């Protein structure tokens, strides 16, 4: 019974250690979640800035004065328009690439946020199970302690009755009980053998 109690205590301590480990993992996941959300907000802000710059570049190209009807034979005007369009196109390409990269980072941040949230939820569920198991172990330990106390009380009562019976018979219970019990057992067996022989 003492070994069983020690086993239950060891299980309870292991559950408490595991519960502390899961609590630490849960706090780390919460910190990672907050960091990912902050990164996502910063990336979304940058994406809005890039989109505004992109719109400004498009507007700048749109406000270029249109070529006159007779500018088709004006190489200088055609070259200036071509250069302005090429410049605006290059800016748009750069802004588009930056916006796509920002959108990709937002998607990555959202994916990491979702994964972290799922990990936190799983850790919370596992922690709840461990807390329930710890509660069950504590209840079992309390019941075991109660059973041990009851057995000790019953043993004390039986010992008191035995001592009283021995005192009535003019005998006392020795300190070393096992040899004394062996002698009483031998006497009992001899008495039974004698009774059997007398009856036959």
Protein backbone atom coordinates (compact mmCIF):
# COMPACT_ATOMS: atom_id res chain seq x y z
CA UNK A 1 0.00 0.00 0.00
CA UNK A 2 2.90 2.32 0.76
CA UNK A 3 4.39 1.51 -2.65
CA UNK A 4 1.05 2.30 -4.30
CA UNK A 5 0.94 5.64 -2.50
CA UNK A 6 4.48 6.44 -3.61
CA UNK A 7 3.56 5.49 -7.18
CA UNK A 8 0.54 7.79 -7.11
CA UNK A 9 2.68 10.63 -5.75
CA UNK A 10 5.26 10.06 -8.50
CA UNK A 11 2.50 10.13 -11.13
CA UNK A 12 1.11 13.35 -9.65
CA UNK A 13 4.55 14.99 -9.69
CA UNK A 14 5.08 13.91 -13.32
CA UNK A 15 1.70 15.35 -14.27
CA UNK A 16 2.54 18.63 -12.53
CA UNK A 17 5.88 18.86 -14.38
CA UNK A 18 4.17 18.15 -17.68
CA UNK A 19 1.47 20.71 -16.89
CA UNK A 20 4.13 23.36 -16.17
CA UNK A 21 5.86 22.50 -19.45
CA UNK A 22 2.60 22.88 -21.36
CA UNK A 23 1.90 26.17 -19.61
CA UNK A 24 5.33 27.44 -20.72
CA UNK A 25 4.64 26.29 -24.29
CA UNK A 26 1.26 28.03 -24.19
CA UNK A 27 2.83 31.34 -23.09
CA UNK A 28 5.48 31.04 -25.83
CA UNK A 29 2.76 30.42 -28.43
CA UNK A 30 0.84 33.47 -27.21
CA UNK A 31 3.98 35.60 -27.54
CA UNK A 32 4.60 34.26 -31.06
CA UNK A 33 0.97 34.99 -31.95
CA UNK A 34 1.27 38.60 -30.77
CA UNK A 35 4.52 39.01 -32.74
CA UNK A 36 2.96 37.61 -35.93
CA UNK A 37 -0.06 39.90 -35.56
CA UNK A 38 2.23 42.92 -35.16
CA UNK A 39 4.19 41.90 -38.27
CA UNK A 40 0.95 41.45 -40.17
CA UNK A 41 -0.28 44.94 -39.18
CA UNK A 42 3.05 46.51 -40.21
CA UNK A 43 3.05 44.69 -43.55
CA UNK A 44 -0.55 45.73 -44.26
CA UNK A 45 0.41 49.36 -43.55
CA UNK A 46 3.35 49.12 -45.97
CA UNK A 47 1.06 47.56 -48.56
CA UNK A 48 -1.34 50.51 -48.27
CA UNK A 49 1.60 52.92 -48.74
CA UNK A 50 2.77 51.05 -51.81
CA UNK A 51 -0.75 51.05 -53.26
CA UNK A 52 -1.02 54.83 -52.77
CA UNK A 53 2.37 55.33 -54.45
CA UNK A 54 1.28 53.08 -57.29
CA UNK A 55 -1.89 55.13 -57.81
CA UNK A 56 0.17 58.33 -57.76
CA UNK A 57 2.51 56.96 -60.46
CA UNK A 58 -0.43 55.98 -62.64
CA UNK A 59 -1.95 59.43 -62.21
CA UNK A 60 1.37 61.05 -63.11
CA UNK A 61 1.46 59.13 -66.37
CA UNK A 62 -2.16 59.98 -67.08
CA UNK A 63 -1.51 63.74 -66.66
CA UNK A 64 1.18 63.80 -69.31
CA UNK A 65 0.00 66.22 -72.05
CA UNK A 66 -1.32 64.22 -74.99
CA UNK A 67 0.54 64.41 -78.22
CA UNK A 68 -0.78 66.84 -80.75
CA UNK A 69 -2.16 65.57 -83.99
CA UNK A 70 0.90 66.70 -85.83
CA UNK A 71 3.43 65.48 -83.27
CA UNK A 72 3.73 62.15 -85.04
CA UNK A 73 6.49 63.66 -87.13
CA UNK A 74 8.13 65.38 -84.14
CA UNK A 75 10.85 62.99 -83.02
CA UNK A 76 11.61 65.01 -79.87
CA UNK A 77 8.00 64.91 -78.63
CA UNK A 78 7.63 61.22 -79.50
CA UNK A 79 10.89 60.43 -77.68
CA UNK A 80 9.86 62.44 -74.61
CA UNK A 81 6.50 60.65 -74.50
CA UNK A 82 8.15 57.29 -74.96
CA UNK A 83 10.64 58.00 -72.17
CA UNK A 84 7.89 59.22 -69.83
CA UNK A 85 5.82 56.12 -70.53
CA UNK A 86 8.82 53.82 -70.05
CA UNK A 87 9.68 55.55 -66.78
CA UNK A 88 6.10 55.28 -65.51
CA UNK A 89 5.98 51.62 -66.58
CA UNK A 90 9.20 50.88 -64.71
CA UNK A 91 7.83 52.57 -61.60
CA UNK A 92 4.62 50.61 -61.89
CA UNK A 93 6.57 47.36 -62.28
CA UNK A 94 8.66 48.15 -59.19
CA UNK A 95 5.59 49.07 -57.16
CA UNK A 96 3.75 45.97 -58.36
CA UNK A 97 6.64 43.73 -57.36
CA UNK A 98 6.83 45.39 -53.94
CA UNK A 99 3.07 45.07 -53.47
CA UNK A 100 3.11 41.38 -54.43
CA UNK A 101 5.99 40.76 -52.03
CA UNK A 102 4.07 42.59 -49.30
CA UNK A 103 0.92 40.58 -50.05
CA UNK A 104 2.93 37.36 -49.86
CA UNK A 105 4.32 38.38 -46.48
CA UNK A 106 0.78 39.15 -45.29
CA UNK A 107 -0.34 35.68 -46.39
CA UNK A 108 2.64 34.10 -44.63
CA UNK A 109 1.90 36.07 -41.47
CA UNK A 110 -1.77 35.02 -41.64
CA UNK A 111 -0.73 31.37 -42.08
CA UNK A 112 1.68 31.56 -39.15
CA UNK A 113 -0.98 33.28 -37.05
CA UNK A 114 -3.46 30.50 -37.84
CA UNK A 115 -0.91 27.80 -37.04
CA UNK A 116 0.03 29.46 -33.78
CA UNK A 117 -3.63 29.86 -32.81
CA UNK A 118 -4.23 26.16 -33.49
CA UNK A 119 -1.14 25.23 -31.47
CA UNK A 120 -2.36 27.40 -28.58
CA UNK A 121 -5.79 25.79 -28.72
CA UNK A 122 -4.25 22.30 -28.72
CA UNK A 123 -2.00 23.24 -25.79
CA UNK A 124 -4.99 24.59 -23.85
CA UNK A 125 -6.89 21.36 -24.50
CA UNK A 126 -3.91 19.26 -23.41
CA UNK A 127 -3.49 21.40 -20.30
CA UNK A 128 -7.16 20.90 -19.42
CA UNK A 129 -6.75 17.13 -19.78
CA UNK A 130 -3.66 17.17 -17.58
CA UNK A 131 -5.42 19.25 -14.95
CA UNK A 132 -8.30 16.76 -14.96
CA UNK A 133 -5.85 13.86 -14.67
CA UNK A 134 -4.07 15.61 -11.80
CA UNK A 135 -7.39 16.14 -10.03
CA UNK A 136 -8.23 12.45 -10.49
CA UNK A 137 -4.80 11.46 -9.17
CA UNK A 138 -5.25 13.70 -6.13
CA UNK A 139 -8.65 12.16 -5.45
CA UNK A 140 -7.18 8.65 -5.77
CA UNK A 141 -4.34 9.57 -3.45
CA UNK A 142 -6.77 10.92 -0.86
CA UNK A 143 -8.84 7.74 -1.07
CA UNK A 144 -5.69 5.63 -0.71
CA UNK A 145 -4.58 7.61 2.33
CA UNK A 146 -8.03 7.15 3.84
CA UNK A 147 -7.87 3.38 3.20
CA UNK A 148 -4.42 3.20 4.81
CA UNK A 149 -5.67 5.10 7.85
CA UNK A 150 -8.65 2.78 8.13
CA UNK A 151 -6.43 -0.31 7.85
CA UNK A 152 -4.06 1.08 10.47
CA UNK A 153 -6.99 1.76 12.79
CA UNK A 154 -8.34 -1.77 12.26
CA UNK A 155 -4.88 -3.24 12.86
CA UNK A 156 -4.51 -1.25 16.06
CA UNK A 157 -7.94 -2.45 17.22
CA UNK A 158 -7.09 -6.09 16.45
CA UNK A 159 -3.76 -5.72 18.24
CA UNK A 160 -5.50 -4.29 21.28
CA UNK A 161 -7.99 -7.17 21.28
CA UNK A 162 -5.16 -9.68 20.93
CA UNK A 163 -3.24 -8.12 23.81
CA UNK A 164 -6.38 -8.16 25.95
CA UNK A 165 -7.02 -11.83 25.13
CA UNK A 166 -3.42 -12.75 25.91
CA UNK A 167 -3.57 -10.90 29.23
CA UNK A 168 -6.73 -12.83 30.15
CA UNK A 169 -4.88 -16.06 29.32
CA UNK A 170 -1.91 -14.99 31.42
CA UNK A 171 0.34 -14.29 28.47
CA UNK A 172 1.73 -11.17 26.84
CA UNK A 173 2.49 -10.18 23.26
CA UNK A 174 6.27 -10.17 22.79
CA UNK A 175 8.20 -7.47 20.96
CA UNK A 176 9.32 -9.88 18.23
CA UNK A 177 5.96 -11.15 17.03
CA UNK A 178 6.97 -13.48 14.18
CA UNK A 179 8.76 -16.20 16.26
CA UNK A 180 5.94 -16.05 18.79
CA UNK A 181 3.35 -16.57 16.06
CA UNK A 182 5.37 -19.48 14.67
CA UNK A 183 5.37 -21.14 18.12
CA UNK A 184 1.62 -20.63 18.51
CA UNK A 185 1.07 -22.10 15.05
CA UNK A 186 3.16 -25.16 15.96
CA UNK A 187 1.19 -25.59 19.18
CA UNK A 188 -2.07 -25.28 17.28
CA UNK A 189 -1.01 -27.92 14.77
CA UNK A 190 0.09 -30.25 17.56
CA UNK A 191 -3.23 -29.78 19.36
CA UNK A 192 -5.17 -30.55 16.19
CA UNK A 193 -3.09 -33.65 15.61
CA UNK A 194 -3.71 -34.78 19.17
CA UNK A 195 -7.44 -34.18 18.85
CA UNK A 196 -7.54 -36.14 15.62
CA UNK A 197 -5.74 -39.08 17.20
CA UNK A 198 -8.08 -39.05 20.21
CA UNK A 199 -11.12 -39.04 17.97
CA UNK A 200 -9.86 -42.05 15.99
